[in-house]
Every structure is written in C-alpha cells, then in structure tokens.
C-alpha atoms as a PDB file:
ATOM      1  CA  UNK A   1      26.239  18.769  20.704  1.00  0.00           C
ATOM      2  CA  UNK A   2      22.931  17.650  21.836  1.00  0.00           C
ATOM      3  CA  UNK A   3      21.399  19.648  19.196  1.00  0.00           C
ATOM      4  CA  UNK A   4      23.548  17.145  17.003  1.00  0.00           C
ATOM      5  CA  UNK A   5      22.265  14.353  18.446  1.00  0.00           C
ATOM      6  CA  UNK A   6      18.668  15.388  18.083  1.00  0.00           C
ATOM      7  CA  UNK A   7      18.795  16.365  14.611  1.00  0.00           C
ATOM      8  CA  UNK A   8      20.302  12.815  13.619  1.00  0.00           C
ATOM      9  CA  UNK A   9      17.637  11.354  15.781  1.00  0.00           C
ATOM     10  CA  UNK A  10      14.986  12.876  13.529  1.00  0.00           C
ATOM     11  CA  UNK A  11      16.944  12.316  10.211  1.00  0.00           C
ATOM     12  CA  UNK A  12      16.865   8.572  11.148  1.00  0.00           C
ATOM     13  CA  UNK A  13      12.898   8.789  12.037  1.00  0.00           C
ATOM     14  CA  UNK A  14      12.288  10.583   8.322  1.00  0.00           C
ATOM     15  CA  UNK A  15      14.261   8.022   6.821  1.00  0.00           C
ATOM     16  CA  UNK A  16      12.328   4.883   8.882  1.00  0.00           C
ATOM     17  CA  UNK A  17       8.869   6.753   7.756  1.00  0.00           C
ATOM     18  CA  UNK A  18       9.834   7.055   4.443  1.00  0.00           C
ATOM     19  CA  UNK A  19      10.670   3.164   4.228  1.00  0.00           C
ATOM     20  CA  UNK A  20       7.229   2.193   5.541  1.00  0.00           C
ATOM     21  CA  UNK A  21       5.243   4.758   3.632  1.00  0.00           C
ATOM     22  CA  UNK A  22       7.495   3.162   0.275  1.00  0.00           C
ATOM     23  CA  UNK A  23       6.673  -0.247   1.177  1.00  0.00           C
ATOM     24  CA  UNK A  24       2.957   0.252   2.152  1.00  0.00           C
ATOM     25  CA  UNK A  25       1.806   2.291  -0.341  1.00  0.00           C
ATOM     26  CA  UNK A  26       0.226   4.676   1.671  1.00  0.00           C
ATOM     27  CA  UNK A  27       0.581   7.909   0.633  1.00  0.00           C
ATOM     28  CA  UNK A  28      -2.031   7.926  -2.458  1.00  0.00           C
ATOM     29  CA  UNK A  29      -0.799   9.490  -5.740  1.00  0.00           C
ATOM     30  CA  UNK A  30       1.826  11.470  -4.255  1.00  0.00           C
ATOM     31  CA  UNK A  31       5.165   9.704  -3.965  1.00  0.00           C
ATOM     32  CA  UNK A  32       6.368   9.603  -0.133  1.00  0.00           C
ATOM     33  CA  UNK A  33       9.481  11.405  -1.959  1.00  0.00           C
ATOM     34  CA  UNK A  34       7.673  14.489  -1.984  1.00  0.00           C
ATOM     35  CA  UNK A  35       5.869  14.486   1.497  1.00  0.00           C
ATOM     36  CA  UNK A  36       7.087  16.278   4.630  1.00  0.00           C
ATOM     37  CA  UNK A  37       7.735  14.417   8.110  1.00  0.00           C
ATOM     38  CA  UNK A  38       4.348  15.465   9.185  1.00  0.00           C
ATOM     39  CA  UNK A  39       2.614  14.504   5.882  1.00  0.00           C
ATOM     40  CA  UNK A  40       4.362  10.847   6.084  1.00  0.00           C
ATOM     41  CA  UNK A  41       3.591  10.745   9.797  1.00  0.00           C
ATOM     42  CA  UNK A  42      -0.085  11.321   8.947  1.00  0.00           C
ATOM     43  CA  UNK A  43      -0.064   9.007   6.486  1.00  0.00           C
ATOM     44  CA  UNK A  44       0.951   6.000   8.837  1.00  0.00           C
ATOM     45  CA  UNK A  45      -1.408   7.179  12.034  1.00  0.00           C
ATOM     46  CA  UNK A  46      -4.343   6.923   9.094  1.00  0.00           C
ATOM     47  CA  UNK A  47      -3.125   3.267   7.884  1.00  0.00           C
ATOM     48  CA  UNK A  48      -4.254   0.327   8.875  1.00  0.00           C
ATOM     49  CA  UNK A  49      -0.648  -1.007   9.578  1.00  0.00           C
ATOM     50  CA  UNK A  50      -0.193  -3.134  12.788  1.00  0.00           C
ATOM     51  CA  UNK A  51       2.054  -0.625  15.191  1.00  0.00           C
ATOM     52  CA  UNK A  52       2.038  -0.470  18.479  1.00  0.00           C
ATOM     53  CA  UNK A  53      -0.248   2.123  19.850  1.00  0.00           C
ATOM     54  CA  UNK A  54       2.850   4.027  21.594  1.00  0.00           C
ATOM     55  CA  UNK A  55       5.055   4.076  18.271  1.00  0.00           C
ATOM     56  CA  UNK A  56       3.400   7.002  16.766  1.00  0.00           C
ATOM     57  CA  UNK A  57       3.423   8.670  19.927  1.00  0.00           C
ATOM     58  CA  UNK A  58       7.382   8.768  19.780  1.00  0.00           C
ATOM     59  CA  UNK A  59       7.866   9.582  16.337  1.00  0.00           C
ATOM     60  CA  UNK A  60       5.439  12.630  16.796  1.00  0.00           C
ATOM     61  CA  UNK A  61       7.760  13.736  20.177  1.00  0.00           C
ATOM     62  CA  UNK A  62      11.025  12.736  17.868  1.00  0.00           C
ATOM     63  CA  UNK A  63       9.992  15.199  15.261  1.00  0.00           C
ATOM     64  CA  UNK A  64       9.020  17.910  17.583  1.00  0.00           C
ATOM     65  CA  UNK A  65      12.040  18.096  19.386  1.00  0.00           C
ATOM     66  CA  UNK A  66      14.022  17.770  15.999  1.00  0.00           C
ATOM     67  CA  UNK A  67      11.885  20.376  14.850  1.00  0.00           C
ATOM     68  CA  UNK A  68      13.613  22.766  17.549  1.00  0.00           C
ATOM     69  CA  UNK A  69      17.053  21.538  16.485  1.00  0.00           C
ATOM     70  CA  UNK A  70      16.644  21.488  12.799  1.00  0.00           C
ATOM     71  CA  UNK A  71      14.601  24.927  12.250  1.00  0.00           C
ATOM     72  CA  UNK A  72      15.762  28.291  13.163  1.00  0.00           C
ATOM     73  CA  UNK A  73      13.528  29.241  16.634  1.00  0.00           C
ATOM     74  CA  UNK A  74      15.257  32.643  17.073  1.00  0.00           C
ATOM     75  CA  UNK A  75      16.592  32.118  20.374  1.00  0.00           C
ATOM     76  CA  UNK A  76      19.014  29.865  21.748  1.00  0.00           C
ATOM     77  CA  UNK A  77      18.779  26.325  21.964  1.00  0.00           C
ATOM     78  CA  UNK A  78      17.015  24.669  24.994  1.00  0.00           C
ATOM     79  CA  UNK A  79      17.763  21.257  24.207  1.00  0.00           C
ATOM     80  CA  UNK A  80      19.908  19.508  27.336  1.00  0.00           C
ATOM     81  CA  UNK A  81      21.104  16.394  28.057  1.00  0.00           C
ATOM     82  CA  UNK A  82      18.005  15.194  29.620  1.00  0.00           C
ATOM     83  CA  UNK A  83      16.220  15.896  26.621  1.00  0.00           C
ATOM     84  CA  UNK A  84      18.286  14.546  24.149  1.00  0.00           C
ATOM     85  CA  UNK A  85      18.813  11.179  26.447  1.00  0.00           C
ATOM     86  CA  UNK A  86      14.794  10.646  26.537  1.00  0.00           C
ATOM     87  CA  UNK A  87      15.138  11.318  22.411  1.00  0.00           C
ATOM     88  CA  UNK A  88      17.899   9.017  22.245  1.00  0.00           C
ATOM     89  CA  UNK A  89      15.980   6.254  24.414  1.00  0.00           C
ATOM     90  CA  UNK A  90      13.110   6.663  22.022  1.00  0.00           C
ATOM     91  CA  UNK A  91      15.030   6.532  18.844  1.00  0.00           C
ATOM     92  CA  UNK A  92      15.952   2.905  20.739  1.00  0.00           C
ATOM     93  CA  UNK A  93      12.677   2.012  21.199  1.00  0.00           C
ATOM     94  CA  UNK A  94      11.564   3.216  17.428  1.00  0.00           C
ATOM     95  CA  UNK A  95      14.459   0.987  15.988  1.00  0.00           C
ATOM     96  CA  UNK A  96      13.586  -1.724  17.988  1.00  0.00           C
ATOM     97  CA  UNK A  97      10.187  -1.815  16.399  1.00  0.00           C
ATOM     98  CA  UNK A  98      11.409  -0.965  12.743  1.00  0.00           C
ATOM     99  CA  UNK A  99      14.421  -3.426  13.020  1.00  0.00           C
ATOM    100  CA  UNK A 100      13.167  -6.541  14.690  1.00  0.00           C
ATOM    101  CA  UNK A 101       9.153  -6.295  14.538  1.00  0.00           C
ATOM    102  CA  UNK A 102       8.348  -4.610  11.333  1.00  0.00           C
ATOM    103  CA  UNK A 103      11.182  -5.176   9.137  1.00  0.00           C
ATOM    104  CA  UNK A 104      11.692  -8.910  10.311  1.00  0.00           C
ATOM    105  CA  UNK A 105       7.807  -9.838   9.469  1.00  0.00           C
ATOM    106  CA  UNK A 106       8.705  -8.425   5.907  1.00  0.00           C
ATOM    107  CA  UNK A 107      11.189 -10.599   5.782  1.00  0.00           C
ATOM    108  CA  UNK A 108       9.023 -13.444   6.462  1.00  0.00           C
ATOM    109  CA  UNK A 109       6.501 -12.108   4.163  1.00  0.00           C
ATOM    110  CA  UNK A 110       8.824 -12.117   1.365  1.00  0.00           C
ATOM    111  CA  UNK A 111      10.402 -15.347   2.085  1.00  0.00           C
ATOM    112  CA  UNK A 112       9.039 -17.240  -0.968  1.00  0.00           C
ATOM    113  CA  UNK A 113       9.789 -20.197  -3.326  1.00  0.00           C
ATOM    114  CA  UNK A 114      11.014 -19.632  -7.035  1.00  0.00           C
ATOM    115  CA  UNK A 115       7.521 -20.020  -8.268  1.00  0.00           C
ATOM    116  CA  UNK A 116       5.858 -18.067  -6.189  1.00  0.00           C
ATOM    117  CA  UNK A 117       8.477 -15.235  -6.591  1.00  0.00           C
ATOM    118  CA  UNK A 118       8.011 -15.396 -10.460  1.00  0.00           C
ATOM    119  CA  UNK A 119       3.904 -15.456  -9.854  1.00  0.00           C
ATOM    120  CA  UNK A 120       4.495 -12.495  -7.757  1.00  0.00           C
ATOM    121  CA  UNK A 121       6.362 -10.448 -10.307  1.00  0.00           C
ATOM    122  CA  UNK A 122       4.116 -11.245 -13.092  1.00  0.00           C
ATOM    123  CA  UNK A 123       1.361  -9.784 -10.505  1.00  0.00           C
ATOM    124  CA  UNK A 124       3.799  -7.017  -9.871  1.00  0.00           C
ATOM    125  CA  UNK A 125       3.916  -6.138 -13.466  1.00  0.00           C
ATOM    126  CA  UNK A 126       0.138  -6.425 -13.960  1.00  0.00           C
ATOM    127  CA  UNK A 127      -0.595  -4.180 -11.106  1.00  0.00           C
ATOM    128  CA  UNK A 128       1.600  -1.792 -12.572  1.00  0.00           C
ATOM    129  CA  UNK A 129       0.503  -1.449 -16.144  1.00  0.00           C
ATOM    130  CA  UNK A 130      -3.167  -1.705 -15.443  1.00  0.00           C
ATOM    131  CA  UNK A 131      -2.776   1.372 -12.788  1.00  0.00           C
ATOM    132  CA  UNK A 132      -0.461   3.044 -15.110  1.00  0.00           C
ATOM    133  CA  UNK A 133      -3.122   2.749 -17.971  1.00  0.00           C
ATOM    134  CA  UNK A 134      -5.652   4.395 -15.631  1.00  0.00           C
ATOM    135  CA  UNK A 135      -3.003   7.374 -15.024  1.00  0.00           C
ATOM    136  CA  UNK A 136      -1.129   7.979 -18.096  1.00  0.00           C
ATOM    137  CA  UNK A 137      -2.593   5.911 -21.303  1.00  0.00           C
ATOM    138  CA  UNK A 138      -0.286   4.706 -23.737  1.00  0.00           C
ATOM    139  CA  UNK A 139       2.694   4.674 -21.910  1.00  0.00           C
ATOM    140  CA  UNK A 140       3.028   0.661 -21.548  1.00  0.00           C
ATOM    141  CA  UNK A 141       5.031   0.217 -24.884  1.00  0.00           C
ATOM    142  CA  UNK A 142       7.324   2.904 -24.769  1.00  0.00           C
ATOM    143  CA  UNK A 143       8.286   1.983 -20.537  1.00  0.00           C
ATOM    144  CA  UNK A 144       8.495  -1.944 -21.866  1.00  0.00           C
ATOM    145  CA  UNK A 145      10.823  -0.696 -24.766  1.00  0.00           C
ATOM    146  CA  UNK A 146      12.806   1.316 -21.949  1.00  0.00           C
ATOM    147  CA  UNK A 147      13.042  -0.951 -19.835  1.00  0.00           C
ATOM    148  CA  UNK A 148      14.393  -3.509 -22.510  1.00  0.00           C
ATOM    149  CA  UNK A 149      16.997  -1.018 -23.181  1.00  0.00           C
ATOM    150  CA  UNK A 150      17.818  -0.455 -19.850  1.00  0.00           C
ATOM    151  CA  UNK A 151      18.751  -4.100 -19.300  1.00  0.00           C
ATOM    152  CA  UNK A 152      20.741  -4.333 -22.453  1.00  0.00           C
ATOM    153  CA  UNK A 153      23.087  -2.041 -20.613  1.00  0.00           C
ATOM    154  CA  UNK A 154      23.271  -3.698 -17.718  1.00  0.00           C
ATOM    155  CA  UNK A 155      20.905  -1.822 -15.608  1.00  0.00           C
ATOM    156  CA  UNK A 156      18.828  -3.940 -12.612  1.00  0.00           C
ATOM    157  CA  UNK A 157      15.149  -3.602 -12.724  1.00  0.00           C
ATOM    158  CA  UNK A 158      13.308  -3.359  -9.467  1.00  0.00           C
ATOM    159  CA  UNK A 159      10.177  -4.093  -8.850  1.00  0.00           C
ATOM    160  CA  UNK A 160       8.262  -2.357  -5.886  1.00  0.00           C
ATOM    161  CA  UNK A 161       4.831  -1.347  -4.744  1.00  0.00           C
ATOM    162  CA  UNK A 162       3.227  -0.237  -8.257  1.00  0.00           C
ATOM    163  CA  UNK A 163       6.729   1.056  -8.941  1.00  0.00           C
ATOM    164  CA  UNK A 164       9.834  -0.045 -10.891  1.00  0.00           C
ATOM    165  CA  UNK A 165      13.476   1.085 -10.289  1.00  0.00           C
ATOM    166  CA  UNK A 166      16.363   1.130 -12.462  1.00  0.00           C
ATOM    167  CA  UNK A 167      19.491   0.546 -10.357  1.00  0.00           C
ATOM    168  CA  UNK A 168      23.524  -0.062 -10.978  1.00  0.00           C
ATOM    169  CA  UNK A 169      23.841  -4.330 -10.554  1.00  0.00           C
ATOM    170  CA  UNK A 170      26.608  -3.834  -8.392  1.00  0.00           C
ATOM    171  CA  UNK A 171      27.105  -1.247  -5.195  1.00  0.00           C
ATOM    172  CA  UNK A 172      28.758   1.749  -5.048  1.00  0.00           C
ATOM    173  CA  UNK A 173      30.849   3.497  -2.494  1.00  0.00           C
ATOM    174  CA  UNK A 174      30.122   6.952  -2.696  1.00  0.00           C
ATOM    175  CA  UNK A 175      33.452   9.227  -2.690  1.00  0.00           C
ATOM    176  CA  UNK A 176      32.771  10.758   0.547  1.00  0.00           C
ATOM    177  CA  UNK A 177      31.871   7.745   2.354  1.00  0.00           C
ATOM    178  CA  UNK A 178      35.306   6.756   2.427  1.00  0.00           C
ATOM    179  CA  UNK A 179      36.103   2.631   1.668  1.00  0.00           C
ATOM    180  CA  UNK A 180      33.809   0.961   4.252  1.00  0.00           C
ATOM    181  CA  UNK A 181      31.704  -1.989   2.852  1.00  0.00           C
ATOM    182  CA  UNK A 182      28.972  -1.647   4.831  1.00  0.00           C
ATOM    183  CA  UNK A 183      28.264   2.032   2.829  1.00  0.00           C
ATOM    184  CA  UNK A 184      28.079   0.511  -0.427  1.00  0.00           C
ATOM    185  CA  UNK A 185      24.568   0.172  -2.035  1.00  0.00           C
ATOM    186  CA  UNK A 186      23.463   0.007  -5.554  1.00  0.00           C
ATOM    187  CA  UNK A 187      23.184   3.669  -7.366  1.00  0.00           C
ATOM    188  CA  UNK A 188      19.584   4.319  -8.375  1.00  0.00           C
ATOM    189  CA  UNK A 189      18.996   6.022 -11.548  1.00  0.00           C
ATOM    190  CA  UNK A 190      15.153   6.563 -10.685  1.00  0.00           C
ATOM    191  CA  UNK A 191      11.921   5.259  -9.664  1.00  0.00           C
ATOM    192  CA  UNK A 192       8.982   4.893 -11.965  1.00  0.00           C
ATOM    193  CA  UNK A 193       5.628   5.008 -10.431  1.00  0.00           C
ATOM    194  CA  UNK A 194       2.032   3.494 -11.949  1.00  0.00           C
ATOM    195  CA  UNK A 195       0.465   6.708 -10.581  1.00  0.00           C
ATOM    196  CA  UNK A 196       2.242   8.532 -13.692  1.00  0.00           C
ATOM    197  CA  UNK A 197       5.466  10.130 -12.043  1.00  0.00           C
ATOM    198  CA  UNK A 198       9.066   9.840 -11.507  1.00  0.00           C
ATOM    199  CA  UNK A 199      11.334  10.806  -8.647  1.00  0.00           C
ATOM    200  CA  UNK A 200      14.781   9.909  -7.605  1.00  0.00           C
ATOM    201  CA  UNK A 201      15.419   8.104  -4.316  1.00  0.00           C
ATOM    202  CA  UNK A 202      19.057   7.438  -2.681  1.00  0.00           C
ATOM    203  CA  UNK A 203      21.446  10.267  -4.810  1.00  0.00           C
ATOM    204  CA  UNK A 204      23.649  11.683  -2.293  1.00  0.00           C
ATOM    205  CA  UNK A 205      26.537  13.201  -1.926  1.00  0.00           C
ATOM    206  CA  UNK A 206      28.443  14.777  -4.916  1.00  0.00           C
ATOM    207  CA  UNK A 207      28.427  11.679  -6.870  1.00  0.00           C
ATOM    208  CA  UNK A 208      24.175  11.797  -6.812  1.00  0.00           C
ATOM    209  CA  UNK A 209      23.980  15.370  -7.028  1.00  0.00           C
ATOM    210  CA  UNK A 210      26.013  15.114 -10.069  1.00  0.00           C
ATOM    211  CA  UNK A 211      24.122  12.971 -11.929  1.00  0.00           C
ATOM    212  CA  UNK A 212      20.701  14.725 -10.872  1.00  0.00           C
ATOM    213  CA  UNK A 213      22.253  17.875 -12.421  1.00  0.00           C
ATOM    214  CA  UNK A 214      22.949  15.906 -15.875  1.00  0.00           C
ATOM    215  CA  UNK A 215      19.452  14.382 -15.469  1.00  0.00           C
ATOM    216  CA  UNK A 216      18.057  17.755 -15.196  1.00  0.00           C
ATOM    217  CA  UNK A 217      19.720  19.336 -18.370  1.00  0.00           C
ATOM    218  CA  UNK A 218      18.404  16.902 -20.065  1.00  0.00           C
ATOM    219  CA  UNK A 219      14.776  16.851 -18.660  1.00  0.00           C
ATOM    220  CA  UNK A 220      13.121  20.241 -19.695  1.00  0.00           C
ATOM    221  CA  UNK A 221      10.974  22.173 -17.236  1.00  0.00           C
ATOM    222  CA  UNK A 222      12.591  20.320 -14.207  1.00  0.00           C
ATOM    223  CA  UNK A 223      15.523  21.418 -11.740  1.00  0.00           C
ATOM    224  CA  UNK A 224      17.255  19.630  -8.711  1.00  0.00           C
ATOM    225  CA  UNK A 225      15.745  19.547  -5.479  1.00  0.00           C
ATOM    226  CA  UNK A 226      18.331  18.610  -2.314  1.00  0.00           C
ATOM    227  CA  UNK A 227      16.577  17.509   0.803  1.00  0.00           C
ATOM    228  CA  UNK A 228      18.039  18.224   4.032  1.00  0.00           C
ATOM    229  CA  UNK A 229      17.368  14.402   4.471  1.00  0.00           C
ATOM    230  CA  UNK A 230      19.783  13.714   1.411  1.00  0.00           C
ATOM    231  CA  UNK A 231      18.142  10.555   0.460  1.00  0.00           C
ATOM    232  CA  UNK A 232      15.700  11.926  -0.725  1.00  0.00           C
ATOM    233  CA  UNK A 233      17.033  14.170  -3.099  1.00  0.00           C
ATOM    234  CA  UNK A 234      15.067  14.518  -6.675  1.00  0.00           C
ATOM    235  CA  UNK A 235      14.588  16.323  -9.747  1.00  0.00           C
ATOM    236  CA  UNK A 236      11.187  18.005  -9.568  1.00  0.00           C
ATOM    237  CA  UNK A 237       9.442  20.601 -12.144  1.00  0.00           C
ATOM    238  CA  UNK A 238      10.221  23.699 -11.252  1.00  0.00           C
ATOM    239  CA  UNK A 239       6.786  24.548  -9.726  1.00  0.00           C
ATOM    240  CA  UNK A 240       7.667  21.855  -6.961  1.00  0.00           C
ATOM    241  CA  UNK A 241       5.270  18.815  -8.124  1.00  0.00           C
ATOM    242  CA  UNK A 242       7.085  15.813  -9.522  1.00  0.00           C
ATOM    243  CA  UNK A 243       7.918  15.144 -12.929  1.00  0.00           C
ATOM    244  CA  UNK A 244       5.514  13.297 -15.040  1.00  0.00           C
ATOM    245  CA  UNK A 245       6.456   9.711 -16.464  1.00  0.00           C
ATOM    246  CA  UNK A 246       5.847  11.335 -19.931  1.00  0.00           C
ATOM    247  CA  UNK A 247       8.872  13.656 -20.075  1.00  0.00           C
ATOM    248  CA  UNK A 248      11.126  10.694 -19.147  1.00  0.00           C
ATOM    249  CA  UNK A 249       9.824   8.900 -22.118  1.00  0.00           C
ATOM    250  CA  UNK A 250       9.798  11.730 -24.482  1.00  0.00           C
ATOM    251  CA  UNK A 251      13.765  11.803 -23.322  1.00  0.00           C
ATOM    252  CA  UNK A 252      14.899   8.140 -22.712  1.00  0.00           C
ATOM    253  CA  UNK A 253      17.351   7.851 -25.243  1.00  0.00           C
ATOM    254  CA  UNK A 254      19.541  10.689 -24.058  1.00  0.00           C
ATOM    255  CA  UNK A 255      18.502   9.336 -19.894  1.00  0.00           C
ATOM    256  CA  UNK A 256      19.505   5.908 -21.013  1.00  0.00           C
ATOM    257  CA  UNK A 257      22.592   7.523 -22.280  1.00  0.00           C
ATOM    258  CA  UNK A 258      23.184   9.643 -19.266  1.00  0.00           C
ATOM    259  CA  UNK A 259      22.758   5.850 -17.197  1.00  0.00           C
ATOM    260  CA  UNK A 260      25.132   4.401 -19.262  1.00  0.00           C
ATOM    261  CA  UNK A 261      28.028   6.941 -19.158  1.00  0.00           C
ATOM    262  CA  UNK A 262      27.206   6.776 -15.655  1.00  0.00           C
ATOM    263  CA  UNK A 263      27.714   3.334 -15.062  1.00  0.00           C
ATOM    264  CA  UNK A 264      30.683   3.430 -16.937  1.00  0.00           C
ATOM    265  CA  UNK A 265      32.070   6.160 -14.279  1.00  0.00           C
ATOM    266  CA  UNK A 266      30.920   4.122 -11.636  1.00  0.00           C
ATOM    267  CA  UNK A 267      32.628   1.003 -12.383  1.00  0.00           C
ATOM    268  CA  UNK A 268      36.158   3.530 -12.511  1.00  0.00           C
END
C-alpha cells in the first residue's frame, strides 16, 4: 500500500516536470517527451526559472523514494507509513507551488487582449518557421499545406513553445477512465517541433495505444514506445531516437487519413 502511494507521487512529479520543461522550453533540441525524470530535473535545476530553493530538493527526494518503489531493488521494500507520509507532505508542497504559484503565474502571463493574442500567434508562427528552417530546411511549405489540410478535417491546431500540436476540437473520454467529465480531454494526434522532430503526448489507455500502433504502421522504421507514465507514450525511431519531421511530411496523406478516420471513431 505504501509503495503504491509513493510510486504515484513519483508519477505526479514526472508529469509536473514534463509540463515545466515543455512550457519553459529548457531541454534544448531534445523534446521533454524523450527525457528521463533525472534529465528533466537536471534541466530545471540548470534553468533560470524562478523557483523556491527548497522545491528542487523536494523533487529529488520524491524521485529517490519513487525509484525505490518503481525499480526492482531485489529485496523487500523498506517503504513504511512514516516514509510514505513524509513523501505525501512533500508532494503537497510541490503541488502548492506548481498550482498556486507557477500555473497562476502562467495564467496571468497569458491573459491578453484579442489583439495581443493575435500578435503572439504571429510571433509564434514566425519563430517556429525561422527555427525550423535552421534545423530542417525546406519543410515550411509542406508543413503549411499539412496544417491547412488538417484544419479542413476540423482539427484544432495549437501553438506551443516553438511547436504546433494537432488535437481533436472536442473532448474525449478515454474508455478505461469511465464517463467522468473531469477526465475528458482533447485527443492529441501529435506534436511537431521546430527542432525538426515529431512526438506524441497524452496517448494513454487502449485508445491512445491503438492510435500509436496505427500511426507507427504508416511511418516506416518506427515503433511504439510505451512509457511507465502513459502521458509520454509515443512513436520513436527503431533505434529509440525521436522521429524526424521529414518522415511525417513524407507520409502526410496517410497520416491525415488516419487522423480523419480516428476522429470519426472518437465521435461515436
């Protein structure tokens, strides 16, 4: 029982670190989805993010105890009620910072007028294509065509930190989640980074794994990587590296066909 609670705390830590790394774009050319928890923590520690001095230490403690319950130690677990209680208290502290300080700061930062939002979108697009040209020359036009075709399918296109995501324009309840409204979310078909790579996020449960298997089947030399934290499930190259955008663009008709078919399935 205590092991399960500590393992869950580690999963929450990993999801929190992923969100921070993705939002702050502090992982260099490697996408946050390809990093281990240790790599993400190191990136946060090296960054200039305004964060209480105690928070990275809390993160490291949760990582260390989480490793004891997540990885085979070849001996009986030493996690007891006292250790579990301490981890839960530290998790509360982490969540308090993330939810009330970090996320609230992002919400204030993103509260803009319609005109400034439009300016921000133009800037996001400009920065995306400028960096893309440096990393993958010649991809702007085919990607613009891909985005235009995706919009005709009713796909929601979202700008991120030098990235663009393709999502369903309606919320989906994942089968094993039950019919709970708060667990509904838009289905994410893929994230295209200006660093010239493609990856998936939030492809959880049987629904997400089914999509990833079909996606891997149409993109040669790829395979599905199932992560302990299903939020990070993704297709990757067979050598484990991220998928180059060129591979996606070269099969864009097949990919958009899959997306369209999957949209119809999600609506049923």
